[in-house]
Structures are given as structure tokens and as C-alpha cells.
Amino acid sequence: MPQVKSLEELKRLREEALEKRQARTIAGRAQVVVGMGTCGIAAGARDTMKAILEFIEKENLSGVVVTQTGCIGLCEWEPIVEVTVGGGPKVTYGKVDAEKARRIMKEHVMNSRVVEEYVIPS
């Protein structure tokens, strides 16, 4: 990383970082989080993540941020996928295999319809 040489440059870098962070939270965008803790990986979370990324590429979707996280604490529901579309509520899906992941991406992320039968009951 290049060295910051002035206060003005530091302020510019800070503003750029804040703009990037804000761009991720703009309404209309979607965030997908896949639980990739040890239990999630053992339950097939890698295949789930792969299916999500392939779906995004195949459908040429933009504005979808996909991240991974560690243990969510609901091991019996792994693989777990959390979806937030725009400013809507976070929806947590359980036992998400590749086929379910593609359906969640199509119905929830693309069409804003929660796939109720995969939602973890609260």
C-alpha cells in the first residue's frame, strides 16, 4: 500500500472508503451471507456458496454482495444463508443445498419473494 503523504490525501482516502461502504447499503441492492464455519462447511456450505456465485454470474446480476461468515450458532440448520434485499429485513434460511440456493436467489434476491419453506423458524 502506498504511503499517505498528507492530511488531504488521508481525508480523500477516508471519503472514498465511506462512499464504497455506503454503496453497499443503498436500497435496492441485496446482501447474501453464507455461514462458513466448520459445521457449515461439513454440511455442504462450499457447494451452497458455489451455486450462489454461479447463479449471479449466469444471470449477470449486479448489486448483489456475497460474503461469508463464521459460525452462526445454529449448527443443526447448516448450511445457513442470510439474505437482505434493499432496506428489508434479514431473512435466515436453513439447510440450504445448491438447489435451494438457486431457488432463493431467483425468488428472493431477484423477485423479492421470501421462500417461506426454507426460513428458519424463530
C-alpha atoms as a PDB file:
ATOM      1  CA  MET A   1       0.000   0.000   0.000  1.00  0.00           C
ATOM      2  CA  PRO A   2       1.377   3.411  -0.897  1.00  0.00           C
ATOM      3  CA  GLN A   3       2.370   5.758   1.867  1.00  0.00           C
ATOM      4  CA  VAL A   4      -0.046   8.567   2.774  1.00  0.00           C
ATOM      5  CA  LYS A   5       1.914  11.799   2.473  1.00  0.00           C
ATOM      6  CA  SER A   6      -0.561  14.471   3.529  1.00  0.00           C
ATOM      7  CA  LEU A   7      -3.631  15.102   5.622  1.00  0.00           C
ATOM      8  CA  GLU A   8      -5.580  15.947   2.448  1.00  0.00           C
ATOM      9  CA  GLU A   9      -4.688  12.569   0.942  1.00  0.00           C
ATOM     10  CA  LEU A  10      -5.776  10.801   4.131  1.00  0.00           C
ATOM     11  CA  LYS A  11      -9.117  12.656   4.066  1.00  0.00           C
ATOM     12  CA  ARG A  12      -9.613  11.723   0.396  1.00  0.00           C
ATOM     13  CA  LEU A  13      -8.928   8.044   1.155  1.00  0.00           C
ATOM     14  CA  ARG A  14     -11.371   8.158   4.062  1.00  0.00           C
ATOM     15  CA  GLU A  15     -14.094   9.682   1.876  1.00  0.00           C
ATOM     16  CA  GLU A  16     -13.538   7.045  -0.827  1.00  0.00           C
ATOM     17  CA  ALA A  17     -13.816   4.256   1.758  1.00  0.00           C
ATOM     18  CA  LEU A  18     -17.026   5.736   3.186  1.00  0.00           C
ATOM     19  CA  GLU A  19     -18.520   6.042  -0.308  1.00  0.00           C
ATOM     20  CA  LYS A  20     -17.722   2.392  -1.050  1.00  0.00           C
ATOM     21  CA  ARG A  21     -19.304   1.286   2.221  1.00  0.00           C
ATOM     22  CA  GLN A  22     -22.397   3.399   1.573  1.00  0.00           C
ATOM     23  CA  ALA A  23     -22.728   1.988  -1.956  1.00  0.00           C
ATOM     24  CA  ARG A  24     -23.095  -1.486  -0.450  1.00  0.00           C
ATOM     25  CA  THR A  25     -26.076  -0.413   1.658  1.00  0.00           C
ATOM     26  CA  ILE A  26     -28.079   1.511  -0.961  1.00  0.00           C
ATOM     27  CA  ALA A  27     -31.723   0.380  -1.129  1.00  0.00           C
ATOM     28  CA  GLY A  28     -32.405  -1.998  -3.957  1.00  0.00           C
ATOM     29  CA  ARG A  29     -29.154  -3.875  -3.504  1.00  0.00           C
ATOM     30  CA  ALA A  30     -29.002  -7.344  -1.987  1.00  0.00           C
ATOM     31  CA  GLN A  31     -26.639  -8.885   0.511  1.00  0.00           C
ATOM     32  CA  VAL A  32     -26.200 -12.651   0.791  1.00  0.00           C
ATOM     33  CA  VAL A  33     -24.202 -14.113   3.689  1.00  0.00           C
ATOM     34  CA  VAL A  34     -23.229 -17.788   3.767  1.00  0.00           C
ATOM     35  CA  GLY A  35     -22.286 -19.413   7.089  1.00  0.00           C
ATOM     36  CA  MET A  36     -18.867 -20.967   6.504  1.00  0.00           C
ATOM     37  CA  GLY A  37     -17.954 -22.124   9.982  1.00  0.00           C
ATOM     38  CA  THR A  38     -16.631 -25.659  10.445  1.00  0.00           C
ATOM     39  CA  CYS A  39     -20.122 -27.081  10.871  1.00  0.00           C
ATOM     40  CA  GLY A  40     -21.376 -25.213   7.788  1.00  0.00           C
ATOM     41  CA  ILE A  41     -18.526 -26.473   5.631  1.00  0.00           C
ATOM     42  CA  ALA A  42     -19.094 -30.017   6.874  1.00  0.00           C
ATOM     43  CA  ALA A  43     -22.782 -29.700   5.957  1.00  0.00           C
ATOM     44  CA  GLY A  44     -22.018 -28.524   2.392  1.00  0.00           C
ATOM     45  CA  ALA A  45     -21.720 -24.727   2.608  1.00  0.00           C
ATOM     46  CA  ARG A  46     -18.989 -24.673  -0.059  1.00  0.00           C
ATOM     47  CA  ASP A  47     -21.403 -26.153  -2.613  1.00  0.00           C
ATOM     48  CA  THR A  48     -24.054 -23.653  -1.494  1.00  0.00           C
ATOM     49  CA  MET A  49     -21.649 -20.726  -1.922  1.00  0.00           C
ATOM     50  CA  LYS A  50     -20.546 -22.041  -5.322  1.00  0.00           C
ATOM     51  CA  ALA A  51     -24.173 -22.325  -6.507  1.00  0.00           C
ATOM     52  CA  ILE A  52     -24.896 -18.738  -5.400  1.00  0.00           C
ATOM     53  CA  LEU A  53     -21.850 -17.329  -7.177  1.00  0.00           C
ATOM     54  CA  GLU A  54     -22.576 -19.341 -10.333  1.00  0.00           C
ATOM     55  CA  PHE A  55     -26.196 -18.114 -10.316  1.00  0.00           C
ATOM     56  CA  ILE A  56     -25.064 -14.488 -10.081  1.00  0.00           C
ATOM     57  CA  GLU A  57     -22.658 -14.992 -12.969  1.00  0.00           C
ATOM     58  CA  LYS A  58     -25.160 -16.913 -15.122  1.00  0.00           C
ATOM     59  CA  GLU A  59     -27.911 -14.332 -14.605  1.00  0.00           C
ATOM     60  CA  ASN A  60     -25.421 -11.447 -14.913  1.00  0.00           C
ATOM     61  CA  LEU A  61     -26.726  -9.889 -11.683  1.00  0.00           C
ATOM     62  CA  SER A  62     -25.249  -6.682 -10.366  1.00  0.00           C
ATOM     63  CA  GLY A  63     -25.690  -5.106  -6.965  1.00  0.00           C
ATOM     64  CA  VAL A  64     -25.515  -8.401  -5.071  1.00  0.00           C
ATOM     65  CA  VAL A  65     -22.874  -8.540  -2.359  1.00  0.00           C
ATOM     66  CA  VAL A  66     -21.969 -12.085  -1.318  1.00  0.00           C
ATOM     67  CA  THR A  67     -19.931 -12.606   1.834  1.00  0.00           C
ATOM     68  CA  GLN A  68     -19.152 -15.412   4.194  1.00  0.00           C
ATOM     69  CA  THR A  69     -19.152 -15.534   7.951  1.00  0.00           C
ATOM     70  CA  GLY A  70     -18.105 -17.959  10.637  1.00  0.00           C
ATOM     71  CA  CYS A  71     -20.405 -19.957  12.870  1.00  0.00           C
ATOM     72  CA  ILE A  72     -23.902 -18.501  13.168  1.00  0.00           C
ATOM     73  CA  GLY A  73     -24.706 -20.758  16.127  1.00  0.00           C
ATOM     74  CA  LEU A  74     -27.475 -22.853  14.619  1.00  0.00           C
ATOM     75  CA  CYS A  75     -25.460 -25.936  13.663  1.00  0.00           C
ATOM     76  CA  GLU A  76     -28.489 -28.153  13.120  1.00  0.00           C
ATOM     77  CA  TRP A  77     -29.662 -25.775  10.339  1.00  0.00           C
ATOM     78  CA  GLU A  78     -26.400 -25.658   8.361  1.00  0.00           C
ATOM     79  CA  PRO A  79     -25.727 -24.648   5.646  1.00  0.00           C
ATOM     80  CA  ILE A  80     -27.258 -21.291   6.580  1.00  0.00           C
ATOM     81  CA  VAL A  81     -27.807 -18.384   4.188  1.00  0.00           C
ATOM     82  CA  GLU A  82     -28.915 -14.909   5.266  1.00  0.00           C
ATOM     83  CA  VAL A  83     -30.487 -12.615   2.663  1.00  0.00           C
ATOM     84  CA  THR A  84     -31.222  -8.901   2.915  1.00  0.00           C
ATOM     85  CA  VAL A  85     -32.765  -7.110  -0.052  1.00  0.00           C
ATOM     86  CA  GLY A  86     -32.696  -3.314  -0.046  1.00  0.00           C
ATOM     87  CA  GLY A  87     -33.757  -1.939   3.299  1.00  0.00           C
ATOM     88  CA  GLY A  88     -35.872  -5.024   4.054  1.00  0.00           C
ATOM     89  CA  PRO A  89     -35.459  -7.382   6.991  1.00  0.00           C
ATOM     90  CA  LYS A  90     -32.779 -10.044   7.116  1.00  0.00           C
ATOM     91  CA  VAL A  91     -34.177 -13.488   6.289  1.00  0.00           C
ATOM     92  CA  THR A  92     -32.310 -16.556   7.536  1.00  0.00           C
ATOM     93  CA  TYR A  93     -32.607 -19.760   5.525  1.00  0.00           C
ATOM     94  CA  GLY A  94     -31.564 -23.173   6.810  1.00  0.00           C
ATOM     95  CA  LYS A  95     -30.386 -26.457   5.300  1.00  0.00           C
ATOM     96  CA  VAL A  96     -29.627 -24.669   2.033  1.00  0.00           C
ATOM     97  CA  ASP A  97     -28.145 -27.001  -0.566  1.00  0.00           C
ATOM     98  CA  ALA A  98     -27.198 -25.898  -4.098  1.00  0.00           C
ATOM     99  CA  GLU A  99     -30.717 -26.394  -5.488  1.00  0.00           C
ATOM    100  CA  LYS A 100     -32.344 -24.420  -2.657  1.00  0.00           C
ATOM    101  CA  ALA A 101     -29.699 -21.702  -3.049  1.00  0.00           C
ATOM    102  CA  ARG A 102     -30.598 -21.226  -6.715  1.00  0.00           C
ATOM    103  CA  ARG A 103     -34.305 -21.007  -5.822  1.00  0.00           C
ATOM    104  CA  ILE A 104     -33.612 -18.461  -3.058  1.00  0.00           C
ATOM    105  CA  MET A 105     -31.538 -16.374  -5.466  1.00  0.00           C
ATOM    106  CA  LYS A 106     -34.258 -16.452  -8.123  1.00  0.00           C
ATOM    107  CA  GLU A 107     -37.272 -15.836  -5.895  1.00  0.00           C
ATOM    108  CA  HIS A 108     -35.914 -13.724  -3.039  1.00  0.00           C
ATOM    109  CA  VAL A 109     -32.917 -11.859  -4.443  1.00  0.00           C
ATOM    110  CA  MET A 110     -34.268 -11.296  -7.962  1.00  0.00           C
ATOM    111  CA  ASN A 111     -38.018 -11.042  -7.248  1.00  0.00           C
ATOM    112  CA  SER A 112     -38.186 -10.004  -3.553  1.00  0.00           C
ATOM    113  CA  ARG A 113     -40.350 -13.008  -2.578  1.00  0.00           C
ATOM    114  CA  VAL A 114     -39.258 -14.835   0.578  1.00  0.00           C
ATOM    115  CA  VAL A 115     -39.097 -18.621   0.149  1.00  0.00           C
ATOM    116  CA  GLU A 116     -41.049 -19.392   3.330  1.00  0.00           C
ATOM    117  CA  GLU A 117     -40.474 -23.164   3.421  1.00  0.00           C
ATOM    118  CA  TYR A 118     -36.696 -22.696   3.819  1.00  0.00           C
ATOM    119  CA  VAL A 119     -36.848 -19.978   6.507  1.00  0.00           C
ATOM    120  CA  ILE A 120     -35.538 -20.960   9.934  1.00  0.00           C
ATOM    121  CA  PRO A 121     -38.446 -20.603  12.386  1.00  0.00           C
ATOM    122  CA  SER A 122     -37.852 -18.039  15.111  1.00  0.00           C
END
